[in-house]
Protein backbone atom coordinates (compact mmCIF):
# COMPACT_ATOMS: atom_id res chain seq x y z
CA UNK A 1 -1.32 -25.71 -21.39
CA UNK A 2 2.30 -26.66 -21.63
CA UNK A 3 4.98 -23.60 -21.03
CA UNK A 4 7.23 -23.50 -23.75
CA UNK A 5 10.97 -24.12 -23.03
CA UNK A 6 11.11 -20.29 -24.46
CA UNK A 7 8.56 -18.02 -25.66
CA UNK A 8 10.32 -14.84 -26.37
CA UNK A 9 13.65 -12.74 -25.74
CA UNK A 10 14.16 -11.25 -22.36
CA UNK A 11 13.18 -7.79 -22.68
CA UNK A 12 16.10 -5.57 -22.16
CA UNK A 13 14.85 -2.04 -21.83
CA UNK A 14 12.88 -2.95 -18.40
CA UNK A 15 12.66 -1.94 -14.90
CA UNK A 16 14.97 -3.71 -13.80
CA UNK A 17 17.72 -1.67 -15.96
CA UNK A 18 15.95 1.47 -16.35
CA UNK A 19 16.42 4.53 -14.03
CA UNK A 20 18.94 5.31 -11.67
CA UNK A 21 21.62 2.79 -11.58
CA UNK A 22 23.00 0.71 -8.56
CA UNK A 23 21.79 0.35 -5.15
CA UNK A 24 20.79 4.29 -4.51
CA UNK A 25 18.67 3.87 -7.86
CA UNK A 26 16.53 1.31 -5.65
CA UNK A 27 17.01 3.32 -2.45
CA UNK A 28 15.37 6.47 -3.87
CA UNK A 29 13.16 4.75 -6.91
CA UNK A 30 9.50 6.05 -7.66
CA UNK A 31 8.89 2.91 -9.85
CA UNK A 32 6.01 1.18 -8.47
CA UNK A 33 7.50 -2.40 -9.74
CA UNK A 34 10.66 -1.48 -7.89
CA UNK A 35 9.33 -0.70 -4.81
CA UNK A 36 7.51 -4.00 -4.94
CA UNK A 37 10.57 -5.66 -4.97
CA UNK A 38 11.81 -3.94 -2.12
CA UNK A 39 8.51 -4.95 -0.15
CA UNK A 40 9.10 -8.57 -1.28
CA UNK A 41 12.95 -8.72 -0.18
CA UNK A 42 11.86 -7.25 3.30
CA UNK A 43 9.09 -9.56 3.92
CA UNK A 44 11.12 -12.53 2.82
CA UNK A 45 13.63 -11.66 5.52
CA UNK A 46 10.54 -11.08 8.20
CA UNK A 47 9.49 -14.52 7.49
CA UNK A 48 12.66 -16.42 7.85
CA UNK A 49 12.62 -14.37 11.41
CA UNK A 50 9.14 -15.38 12.20
CA UNK A 51 9.54 -19.12 11.03
CA UNK A 52 12.68 -19.48 13.37
CA UNK A 53 10.66 -18.32 16.28
CA UNK A 54 8.10 -20.98 15.16
CA UNK A 55 10.61 -23.44 14.84
CA UNK A 56 11.78 -22.89 18.66
CA UNK A 57 8.18 -23.35 20.03
CA UNK A 58 7.58 -26.58 17.74
CA UNK A 59 10.80 -28.05 19.01
CA UNK A 60 10.07 -26.92 22.34
CA UNK A 61 6.53 -28.81 22.39
CA UNK A 62 8.21 -32.55 21.15
CA UNK A 63 7.96 -33.58 24.60
CA UNK A 64 6.15 -32.29 27.65
CA UNK A 65 8.24 -30.38 30.35
CA UNK A 66 11.13 -29.95 27.76
CA UNK A 67 14.02 -28.05 28.97
CA UNK A 68 15.45 -27.13 26.07
CA UNK A 69 14.05 -23.46 26.45
CA UNK A 70 13.22 -21.78 29.48
CA UNK A 71 9.69 -20.59 29.82
CA UNK A 72 10.00 -17.29 29.49
CA UNK A 73 12.17 -17.67 26.30
CA UNK A 74 9.34 -19.53 24.92
CA UNK A 75 6.97 -16.63 25.87
CA UNK A 76 8.97 -14.68 23.96
CA UNK A 77 9.21 -17.01 20.84
CA UNK A 78 5.62 -17.41 20.26
CA UNK A 79 5.23 -13.38 20.76
CA UNK A 80 7.91 -12.84 18.31
CA UNK A 81 6.54 -15.26 16.03
CA UNK A 82 3.18 -13.68 16.29
CA UNK A 83 4.05 -10.15 15.86
CA UNK A 84 6.34 -10.50 12.93
CA UNK A 85 4.19 -12.95 10.96
CA UNK A 86 0.78 -10.67 11.50
CA UNK A 87 2.25 -7.30 10.94
CA UNK A 88 5.53 -7.83 8.84
CA UNK A 89 4.40 -10.38 7.08
CA UNK A 90 0.92 -11.54 6.19
CA UNK A 91 -0.67 -7.90 5.93
CA UNK A 92 1.92 -6.36 3.35
CA UNK A 93 2.44 -9.76 1.63
CA UNK A 94 0.22 -9.48 -1.21
CA UNK A 95 -1.07 -5.86 -1.26
CA UNK A 96 2.47 -4.34 -0.78
CA UNK A 97 4.09 -6.88 -2.86
CA UNK A 98 1.93 -8.03 -5.93
CA UNK A 99 -0.52 -5.39 -5.57
CA UNK A 100 2.01 -2.78 -5.82
CA UNK A 101 3.58 -4.35 -8.76
CA UNK A 102 0.26 -5.50 -10.56
CA UNK A 103 -2.47 -2.74 -9.82
CA UNK A 104 -1.15 0.05 -12.25
CA UNK A 105 -0.06 -2.66 -14.94
CA UNK A 106 -3.67 -4.25 -14.68
CA UNK A 107 -5.59 -0.81 -14.84
CA UNK A 108 -3.43 0.58 -17.51
CA UNK A 109 -1.62 2.88 -15.20
CA UNK A 110 2.19 4.17 -16.11
CA UNK A 111 2.05 4.04 -12.01
CA UNK A 112 0.51 4.41 -8.65
CA UNK A 113 -1.27 8.14 -7.77
CA UNK A 114 1.66 9.10 -5.12
CA UNK A 115 5.18 7.54 -6.51
CA UNK A 116 6.86 9.20 -3.59
CA UNK A 117 4.54 8.01 -1.09
CA UNK A 118 4.36 4.52 -2.12
CA UNK A 119 8.50 4.50 -1.49
CA UNK A 120 7.70 6.49 1.79
CA UNK A 121 5.34 3.67 3.15
CA UNK A 122 8.40 0.97 2.50
CA UNK A 123 10.59 3.24 4.80
CA UNK A 124 7.89 3.38 7.04
CA UNK A 125 7.77 -0.25 7.29
CA UNK A 126 11.29 -0.96 7.56
CA UNK A 127 11.30 1.37 10.24
CA UNK A 128 8.75 -0.32 11.92
CA UNK A 129 10.44 -3.77 11.54
CA UNK A 130 13.61 -2.29 13.04
CA UNK A 131 12.19 -1.36 16.21
CA UNK A 132 10.56 -4.99 16.06
CA UNK A 133 13.99 -6.62 15.94
CA UNK A 134 15.57 -4.57 18.47
CA UNK A 135 13.22 -5.69 20.42
CA UNK A 136 14.20 -8.94 20.17
CA UNK A 137 17.83 -7.97 20.32
CA UNK A 138 17.31 -6.12 23.79
CA UNK A 139 15.57 -9.40 25.60
CA UNK A 140 12.21 -9.60 23.69
CA UNK A 141 8.73 -8.94 24.47
CA UNK A 142 6.34 -11.75 26.20
CA UNK A 143 2.69 -10.73 26.07
CA UNK A 144 1.69 -12.59 23.07
CA UNK A 145 1.25 -10.78 19.68
CA UNK A 146 -2.25 -9.18 21.13
CA UNK A 147 -0.53 -7.13 23.82
CA UNK A 148 -3.65 -8.18 26.50
CA UNK A 149 -3.76 -5.93 29.15
CA UNK A 150 -3.43 -5.41 32.09
CA UNK A 151 -0.74 -7.73 31.60
CA UNK A 152 0.92 -5.33 28.77
CA UNK A 153 0.66 -2.35 30.95
CA UNK A 154 1.26 -3.27 34.27
CA UNK A 155 3.01 -6.82 34.79
CA UNK A 156 5.16 -7.60 31.88
CA UNK A 157 8.78 -5.98 32.29
CA UNK A 158 9.98 -6.77 28.62
CA UNK A 159 10.08 -4.09 25.88
CA UNK A 160 6.46 -3.76 25.11
CA UNK A 161 6.45 -0.07 24.25
CA UNK A 162 9.27 -0.69 21.71
CA UNK A 163 7.34 -3.64 20.41
CA UNK A 164 4.17 -1.65 20.25
CA UNK A 165 6.05 1.13 18.40
CA UNK A 166 7.46 -1.39 15.55
CA UNK A 167 3.74 -2.37 15.00
CA UNK A 168 2.48 1.41 15.29
CA UNK A 169 5.07 2.58 12.58
CA UNK A 170 4.15 -0.15 10.36
CA UNK A 171 0.35 0.75 10.67
CA UNK A 172 1.19 4.15 8.83
CA UNK A 173 2.82 2.21 5.90
CA UNK A 174 -0.38 0.05 5.85
CA UNK A 175 -2.82 3.44 5.58
CA UNK A 176 -0.41 5.31 3.00
CA UNK A 177 -0.42 2.17 1.11
CA UNK A 178 -4.33 1.69 1.17
CA UNK A 179 -4.78 5.70 0.48
CA UNK A 180 -2.35 5.08 -2.51
CA UNK A 181 -4.16 2.11 -4.00
CA UNK A 182 -7.69 3.60 -3.45
CA UNK A 183 -6.65 6.80 -5.34
CA UNK A 184 -4.92 4.85 -8.32
CA UNK A 185 -8.06 2.76 -8.89
CA UNK A 186 -10.52 5.72 -8.78
CA UNK A 187 -8.08 8.24 -11.03
CA UNK A 188 -5.97 6.51 -13.14
CA UNK A 189 -7.85 3.85 -15.02
CA UNK A 190 -7.20 3.50 -18.80
CA UNK A 191 -9.99 4.58 -21.26
CA UNK A 192 -12.72 1.92 -21.29
CA UNK A 193 -11.87 0.35 -17.92
CA UNK A 194 -14.98 0.67 -16.43
CA UNK A 195 -15.31 -0.62 -12.47
CA UNK A 196 -16.85 -3.70 -13.70
CA UNK A 197 -14.33 -4.28 -16.12
CA UNK A 198 -11.66 -4.75 -13.22
CA UNK A 199 -9.95 -7.54 -12.44
CA UNK A 200 -11.13 -9.38 -9.30
CA UNK A 201 -7.60 -9.01 -7.88
CA UNK A 202 -8.09 -5.20 -8.24
CA UNK A 203 -11.43 -5.48 -6.57
CA UNK A 204 -9.68 -7.52 -3.78
CA UNK A 205 -7.00 -4.72 -3.41
CA UNK A 206 -9.66 -1.77 -3.55
CA UNK A 207 -11.65 -3.50 -0.48
CA UNK A 208 -8.29 -4.41 1.14
CA UNK A 209 -7.40 -0.71 1.00
CA UNK A 210 -10.49 0.66 2.68
CA UNK A 211 -10.27 -1.65 5.62
CA UNK A 212 -6.65 -0.41 5.85
CA UNK A 213 -7.67 2.98 5.86
CA UNK A 214 -10.80 2.70 8.52
CA UNK A 215 -9.36 0.05 10.72
CA UNK A 216 -5.70 0.73 11.12
CA UNK A 217 -6.08 3.85 13.12
CA UNK A 218 -7.87 2.09 15.83
CA UNK A 219 -4.88 0.14 16.40
CA UNK A 220 -2.40 2.82 16.45
CA UNK A 221 -4.67 4.87 19.11
CA UNK A 222 -4.64 1.58 21.31
CA UNK A 223 -1.01 1.39 21.16
CA UNK A 224 -0.56 4.83 22.20
CA UNK A 225 -3.08 4.27 24.94
CA UNK A 226 -0.96 1.26 26.38
CA UNK A 227 2.19 3.55 25.93
CA UNK A 228 0.66 6.34 27.87
CA UNK A 229 -0.59 4.00 30.58
CA UNK A 230 2.92 2.27 31.05
CA UNK A 231 4.97 5.37 30.96
CA UNK A 232 2.31 7.90 33.05
CA UNK A 233 0.47 5.61 34.78
CA UNK A 234 -2.62 6.64 33.68
CA UNK A 235 -5.56 4.37 34.38
CA UNK A 236 -7.07 3.64 31.07
CA UNK A 237 -6.79 -0.18 30.99
CA UNK A 238 -5.69 -1.32 33.84
CA UNK A 239 -8.53 -2.22 36.66
CA UNK A 240 -6.32 -1.05 39.64
CA UNK A 241 -6.07 2.62 37.89
CA UNK A 242 -9.86 2.66 37.25
CA UNK A 243 -9.28 1.37 33.80
CA UNK A 244 -11.22 -1.33 31.78
CA UNK A 245 -9.21 -4.37 30.46
CA UNK A 246 -12.22 -5.24 28.07
CA UNK A 247 -12.13 -1.89 26.48
CA UNK A 248 -8.63 -2.57 25.36
CA UNK A 249 -9.99 -5.82 23.66
CA UNK A 250 -12.83 -4.05 21.97
CA UNK A 251 -10.45 -1.74 20.55
CA UNK A 252 -7.86 -4.25 19.32
CA UNK A 253 -10.29 -6.66 18.12
CA UNK A 254 -12.15 -3.77 16.36
CA UNK A 255 -8.85 -3.66 14.14
CA UNK A 256 -7.94 -6.97 14.39
CA UNK A 257 -11.01 -8.69 13.17
CA UNK A 258 -10.81 -6.59 9.80
CA UNK A 259 -7.00 -7.05 9.60
CA UNK A 260 -7.79 -10.76 8.94
CA UNK A 261 -9.29 -9.40 5.72
CA UNK A 262 -6.59 -7.40 5.19
CA UNK A 263 -4.83 -10.96 4.74
CA UNK A 264 -7.71 -12.98 3.30
CA UNK A 265 -9.28 -10.78 0.54
CA UNK A 266 -6.09 -10.51 -1.68
CA UNK A 267 -5.70 -13.80 -1.56
CA UNK A 268 -9.01 -14.48 -2.47
CA UNK A 269 -8.25 -12.01 -5.79
CA UNK A 270 -5.40 -13.57 -6.61
CA UNK A 271 -6.87 -17.13 -6.36
CA UNK A 272 -9.87 -15.74 -8.77
CA UNK A 273 -6.91 -15.01 -11.32
CA UNK A 274 -5.10 -18.25 -10.88
CA UNK A 275 -8.54 -20.38 -11.41
CA UNK A 276 -9.28 -18.47 -14.39
CA UNK A 277 -6.40 -18.85 -16.23
CA UNK A 278 -6.01 -22.38 -15.08
CA UNK A 279 -9.51 -23.37 -16.76
CA UNK A 280 -9.40 -20.43 -19.22
CA UNK A 281 -12.87 -19.74 -18.35
CA UNK A 282 -14.44 -16.57 -17.29
CA UNK A 283 -14.65 -16.52 -13.60
CA UNK A 284 -18.70 -17.80 -12.90
CA UNK A 285 -20.71 -14.69 -11.61
CA UNK A 286 -18.08 -11.76 -11.86
CA UNK A 287 -20.61 -9.30 -10.36
CA UNK A 288 -21.44 -11.63 -7.35
CA UNK A 289 -17.64 -11.86 -6.54
CA UNK A 290 -16.56 -8.29 -6.89
CA UNK A 291 -19.62 -7.32 -4.45
CA UNK A 292 -18.74 -10.13 -2.19
CA UNK A 293 -15.44 -8.75 -1.46
CA UNK A 294 -17.01 -5.30 -0.58
CA UNK A 295 -19.30 -7.05 1.53
CA UNK A 296 -16.87 -8.93 3.47
CA UNK A 297 -14.96 -6.06 3.99
CA UNK A 298 -18.15 -4.15 5.16
CA UNK A 299 -19.51 -7.04 7.41
CA UNK A 300 -15.88 -7.60 8.85
CA UNK A 301 -15.97 -4.19 10.80
CA UNK A 302 -19.02 -5.47 12.52
CA UNK A 303 -18.09 -8.94 14.06
CA UNK A 304 -15.21 -8.04 16.64
CA UNK A 305 -16.69 -9.05 19.54
CA UNK A 306 -16.72 -12.91 18.73
CA UNK A 307 -13.26 -12.89 20.05
CA UNK A 308 -14.61 -11.91 23.42
CA UNK A 309 -17.40 -14.32 24.39
CA UNK A 310 -15.71 -15.19 27.50
CA UNK A 311 -14.26 -11.66 28.19
CA UNK A 312 -17.15 -10.59 30.27
CA UNK A 313 -19.65 -8.56 27.53
CA UNK A 314 -23.30 -8.84 27.87
CA UNK A 315 -24.25 -12.04 26.71
CA UNK A 316 -26.89 -10.18 24.30
CA UNK A 317 -23.87 -8.69 22.74
CA UNK A 318 -22.33 -12.40 22.25
CA UNK A 319 -25.85 -13.23 20.61
CA UNK A 320 -25.55 -10.18 18.20
CA UNK A 321 -21.91 -11.02 17.38
CA UNK A 322 -22.26 -14.57 16.80
CA UNK A 323 -25.08 -13.97 14.10
CA UNK A 324 -23.20 -11.27 12.35
CA UNK A 325 -19.89 -13.82 12.57
CA UNK A 326 -22.40 -16.49 10.56
CA UNK A 327 -23.56 -13.67 8.21
CA UNK A 328 -19.76 -13.13 7.59
CA UNK A 329 -19.67 -16.36 6.32
CA UNK A 330 -22.35 -15.65 3.46
CA UNK A 331 -20.15 -13.58 1.22
CA UNK A 332 -17.08 -15.98 1.79
CA UNK A 333 -19.00 -19.18 0.82
CA UNK A 334 -19.98 -16.91 -2.54
CA UNK A 335 -16.46 -17.07 -3.52
CA UNK A 336 -15.78 -20.86 -2.50
CA UNK A 337 -19.21 -21.59 -4.49
CA UNK A 338 -18.13 -19.36 -7.93
CA UNK A 339 -14.68 -20.99 -7.86
CA UNK A 340 -16.01 -24.49 -8.03
CA UNK A 341 -18.61 -23.55 -10.33
CA UNK A 342 -16.02 -21.64 -12.62
CA UNK A 343 -14.41 -24.77 -12.76
CA UNK A 344 -17.20 -27.08 -13.38
CA UNK A 345 -17.02 -29.49 -16.45
CA UNK A 346 -13.60 -27.53 -17.13
CA UNK A 347 -10.25 -29.17 -18.33
CA UNK A 348 -8.15 -27.91 -15.70
CA UNK A 349 -4.45 -27.48 -16.41
CA UNK A 350 -2.48 -28.38 -13.00
CA UNK A 351 0.18 -26.11 -13.43
CA UNK A 352 2.07 -25.04 -10.07
CA UNK A 353 -0.25 -21.74 -10.01
CA UNK A 354 -3.21 -23.63 -10.09
CA UNK A 355 -2.42 -26.11 -7.54
CA UNK A 356 -1.29 -23.49 -5.26
CA UNK A 357 -5.01 -21.78 -6.07
CA UNK A 358 -6.57 -25.33 -5.14
CA UNK A 359 -4.37 -25.73 -2.23
CA UNK A 360 -5.91 -22.28 -0.95
CA UNK A 361 -9.50 -23.08 -1.74
CA UNK A 362 -9.32 -26.25 0.47
CA UNK A 363 -7.44 -24.87 3.40
CA UNK A 364 -9.53 -21.66 3.22
CA UNK A 365 -12.97 -23.62 3.16
CA UNK A 366 -11.68 -25.83 6.33
CA UNK A 367 -10.82 -23.07 8.15
CA UNK A 368 -13.75 -21.10 7.75
CA UNK A 369 -15.76 -24.06 8.23
CA UNK A 370 -14.02 -24.23 11.93
CA UNK A 371 -14.66 -20.15 12.17
CA UNK A 372 -18.30 -21.11 12.20
CA UNK A 373 -17.59 -23.69 15.00
CA UNK A 374 -16.16 -20.61 17.23
CA UNK A 375 -18.78 -18.12 15.96
CA UNK A 376 -21.17 -20.34 18.11
CA UNK A 377 -21.00 -19.21 21.85
CA UNK A 378 -21.48 -22.48 23.20
CA UNK A 379 -18.92 -24.37 21.26
CA UNK A 380 -16.23 -21.10 21.56
CA UNK A 381 -16.60 -21.10 25.40
CA UNK A 382 -14.89 -24.39 25.63
CA UNK A 383 -12.87 -24.07 22.72
CA UNK A 384 -11.08 -20.56 23.67
CA UNK A 385 -7.66 -20.33 24.11
CA UNK A 386 -6.83 -23.86 22.83
CA UNK A 387 -4.96 -25.23 20.03
CA UNK A 388 -8.32 -25.11 18.34
CA UNK A 389 -8.13 -21.77 17.80
CA UNK A 390 -4.48 -21.69 16.70
CA UNK A 391 -5.30 -24.28 14.39
CA UNK A 392 -8.26 -22.22 12.93
CA UNK A 393 -6.08 -19.35 12.67
CA UNK A 394 -3.05 -20.80 10.48
CA UNK A 395 -5.65 -22.62 8.54
CA UNK A 396 -6.92 -19.19 7.20
CA UNK A 397 -3.74 -16.93 7.65
CA UNK A 398 -1.03 -19.31 6.92
CA UNK A 399 -2.68 -22.12 4.94
CA UNK A 400 -4.61 -19.79 2.94
CA UNK A 401 -3.06 -16.47 2.81
CA UNK A 402 0.44 -18.01 2.19
CA UNK A 403 -0.68 -20.59 -0.45
CA UNK A 404 -2.35 -17.76 -2.56
CA UNK A 405 0.81 -15.42 -1.91
CA UNK A 406 2.91 -18.10 -3.64
CA UNK A 407 0.85 -18.96 -5.97
CA UNK A 408 0.58 -15.10 -7.42
CA UNK A 409 4.40 -15.25 -7.20
CA UNK A 410 4.65 -18.29 -9.33
CA UNK A 411 1.94 -17.05 -11.68
CA UNK A 412 3.54 -13.57 -12.23
CA UNK A 413 7.10 -14.37 -11.61
CA UNK A 414 7.68 -14.63 -15.27
CA UNK A 415 6.19 -11.03 -15.98
CA UNK A 416 8.52 -9.63 -12.88
CA UNK A 417 11.61 -11.36 -13.96
CA UNK A 418 11.16 -12.47 -17.74
CA UNK A 419 12.28 -15.92 -16.39
CA UNK A 420 10.76 -19.38 -16.49
CA UNK A 421 11.24 -21.25 -13.33
CA UNK A 422 11.21 -25.63 -13.33
CA UNK A 423 7.86 -26.35 -13.31
CA UNK A 424 8.11 -29.78 -11.96
CA UNK A 425 9.87 -28.66 -8.90
CA UNK A 426 7.17 -25.90 -8.63
CA UNK A 427 4.39 -28.60 -8.45
CA UNK A 428 6.17 -30.94 -6.23
CA UNK A 429 6.75 -27.69 -3.68
CA UNK A 430 2.77 -26.79 -3.86
CA UNK A 431 1.72 -30.15 -3.07
CA UNK A 432 4.50 -30.89 -0.34
CA UNK A 433 3.05 -27.59 1.12
CA UNK A 434 -0.44 -28.70 1.12
CA UNK A 435 0.44 -31.94 2.86
CA UNK A 436 2.93 -30.69 5.34
CA UNK A 437 0.54 -28.17 6.41
CA UNK A 438 -2.17 -30.73 7.04
CA UNK A 439 0.37 -32.48 8.82
CA UNK A 440 1.23 -29.66 11.02
CA UNK A 441 -2.16 -28.10 11.61
CA UNK A 442 -4.89 -30.60 11.31
CA UNK A 443 -3.58 -32.64 14.91
CA UNK A 444 -4.08 -29.15 16.50
CA UNK A 445 -7.53 -29.41 15.96
CA UNK A 446 -7.63 -32.49 17.77
CA UNK A 447 -5.67 -31.19 20.31
CA UNK A 448 -7.97 -28.15 21.09
CA UNK A 449 -10.77 -30.39 21.13
CA UNK A 450 -9.09 -32.27 23.61
CA UNK A 451 -8.52 -29.13 25.92
CA UNK A 452 -4.74 -28.63 25.28
CA UNK A 453 -4.49 -24.69 25.76
CA UNK A 454 -2.13 -22.50 23.71
CA UNK A 455 0.48 -20.73 25.02
CA UNK A 456 1.75 -23.31 27.26
CA UNK A 457 5.30 -24.34 27.84
CA UNK A 458 3.95 -27.52 29.22
CA UNK A 459 1.45 -30.25 28.68
CA UNK A 460 -0.03 -33.63 29.97
CA UNK A 461 2.10 -36.63 28.34
CA UNK A 462 -1.02 -37.92 26.75
CA UNK A 463 -0.92 -34.77 24.25
CA UNK A 464 2.76 -35.75 23.20
CA UNK A 465 2.33 -38.04 19.96
CA UNK A 466 0.03 -35.22 18.08
CA UNK A 467 2.70 -32.42 19.24
CA UNK A 468 5.20 -35.05 17.79
CA UNK A 469 3.14 -35.20 14.40
CA UNK A 470 2.55 -31.41 14.38
CA UNK A 471 6.02 -30.93 15.00
CA UNK A 472 7.33 -33.32 12.02
CA UNK A 473 4.92 -31.39 9.86
CA UNK A 474 6.46 -27.92 10.75
CA UNK A 475 9.75 -29.82 9.37
CA UNK A 476 8.02 -30.79 5.79
CA UNK A 477 6.70 -27.32 5.72
CA UNK A 478 10.03 -25.89 6.52
CA UNK A 479 11.28 -27.62 3.23
CA UNK A 480 8.15 -26.71 1.00
CA UNK A 481 9.02 -22.94 1.93
CA UNK A 482 12.63 -23.37 1.36
CA UNK A 483 12.18 -25.23 -2.07
CA UNK A 484 10.70 -22.07 -3.94
CA UNK A 485 13.16 -19.76 -2.83
CA UNK A 486 15.99 -21.74 -4.32
CA UNK A 487 14.41 -22.50 -7.93
CA UNK A 488 13.08 -19.04 -8.22
CA UNK A 489 16.04 -17.77 -7.21
CA UNK A 490 18.24 -20.05 -9.72
CA UNK A 491 15.65 -18.97 -12.51
CA UNK A 492 16.75 -15.70 -12.38
CA UNK A 493 20.55 -16.94 -13.71
CA UNK A 494 19.44 -20.03 -15.74
CA UNK A 495 15.88 -19.65 -16.49
CA UNK A 496 14.61 -19.71 -19.95
CA UNK A 497 12.92 -16.32 -21.17
CA UNK A 498 9.31 -16.06 -20.50
CA UNK A 499 7.96 -14.27 -23.48
CA UNK A 500 5.13 -11.72 -22.61
CA UNK A 501 2.85 -14.03 -21.87
CA UNK A 502 3.46 -17.85 -20.99
CA UNK A 503 0.22 -18.41 -19.67
CA UNK A 504 -1.49 -17.46 -22.36
CA UNK A 505 -3.59 -15.05 -20.02
CA UNK A 506 -6.22 -12.05 -20.54
CA UNK A 507 -5.26 -8.81 -18.48
CA UNK A 508 -3.55 -5.60 -19.37
CA UNK A 509 -0.50 -6.73 -17.43
CA UNK A 510 0.09 -9.60 -20.07
CA UNK A 511 0.39 -7.18 -22.83
CA UNK A 512 3.81 -5.58 -22.01
CA UNK A 513 7.08 -7.07 -22.07
CA UNK A 514 8.47 -8.98 -19.46
CA UNK A 515 9.73 -7.49 -17.47
CA UNK A 516 7.60 -4.48 -18.14
CA UNK A 517 9.12 -1.28 -19.08
CA UNK A 518 9.80 1.74 -16.61
CA UNK A 519 6.67 3.28 -18.03
CA UNK A 520 4.43 0.25 -18.27
CA UNK A 521 2.76 1.35 -21.37
CA UNK A 522 4.15 3.71 -24.41
CA UNK A 523 0.49 4.87 -24.32
CA UNK A 524 -2.36 4.52 -22.26
CA UNK A 525 -4.09 1.57 -23.57
CA UNK A 526 -8.17 1.67 -24.51
CA UNK A 527 -10.15 -1.37 -22.69
CA UNK A 528 -12.91 -2.77 -25.10
CA UNK A 529 -14.03 -5.80 -23.10
CA UNK A 530 -13.69 -7.42 -19.70
CA UNK A 531 -10.65 -8.95 -17.98
CA UNK A 532 -11.45 -12.67 -18.57
CA UNK A 533 -12.37 -12.92 -22.23
CA UNK A 534 -11.04 -16.79 -22.46
CA UNK A 535 -12.88 -19.02 -24.69
CA UNK A 536 -14.27 -22.10 -23.20
CA UNK A 537 -12.44 -25.37 -24.14
């Protein structure tokens, strides 16, 4: 497939021009598409802040015993990086941007079920972000993004409560969004849009929303207990007051391991859409793909204890959590095998979104395989709190989720904006990102295997060469992240008109003009076939 220079005129009567004019119109909008744009702008800003904190960490680690920043500032940098990237970028990235924009379009609805709540979730998200930024301006927090007790309740003199308040408030934004998506899918599907005619992206957002609704309240409760212990001296987690710090880890990881799938499941949905369009085939094993998403969401609630093999929990509990951690790999593997089967003997069009999708499959597979190492109790004992864990986490969360997010942005950019971007530059950025990511994080697997602990400001000189390579890769990765910001922004003014369907893709969203009108469809569409009605080449 070749993207034509111009496949139609720019749709003038669209969600960007309709509705209330000016800034007031955007801040008071009830249009799910405009709310998605507000989220996209917000998380881009938070991503930039988190990236600056990561750059401080990598620059510090270029040489051992670096005096560039103090150890205290180093602690605050990686803590701020973790808090911002996890709760203010990765978790809302796909669900609240692409999910908000596309889910009603994909099921033939005019909007989400609760438009006012949708806008309210964005205000909650921004309020939580303001708390987090205020933490940075007031001196930061040094507990790590996990807020581990008793350090966060007894020993840290930084602004723990304010940072926790930011995460607490943003969690309610996730709950509101999850509820909205679930009700929308159940009640607003177009005539003929049966459950097994839903696009896999909708299945992914639905499964993610279930996890948001069930897991996030546990995090909120845990953060409230931290605040109660710090303010009132109630012995909940502090052993000096009769509390139990392992209890905090049970609470925290009961949320945070399902939160991994809040980040990854939407990425899997995006990748399914990109691969089907890139190969122009129906997805192999559609029902298995749909059920595997629900399976991942369900089993994900049962494996939190594999983060606690060295925390003092029962060895029998560790064995059970180890087995369950291996079990959650099965539905994940189904997805990888089905993506490969979809591409098998296909004529693949290596356009930019497809390159991002292939990058996701590669990075997610490598990250998932190293996750099996950490699920084995004997190996995890030696690898816990080393850079091996850092590399594994980033391969899944950053390499996987961010590649899929950018792939989705590139794929649906003509639909969102009505404009085409520079395809050669986009391909170059996708390849550069894949290379830069591996140069950055693969050396950290080796560092972790050799025993370098994470969160340390200093390290032995033999580790310097690998740290220099990792920091050099981070510079490449920074360029790869900045490139799309430039050429996508440029396309808003200088890009050719995209027309309704420049990819010749299937799906209801591609039957609307680009950009879509305020109400999406002049009348509810009638669905008579599945979402991937491609003809095999």
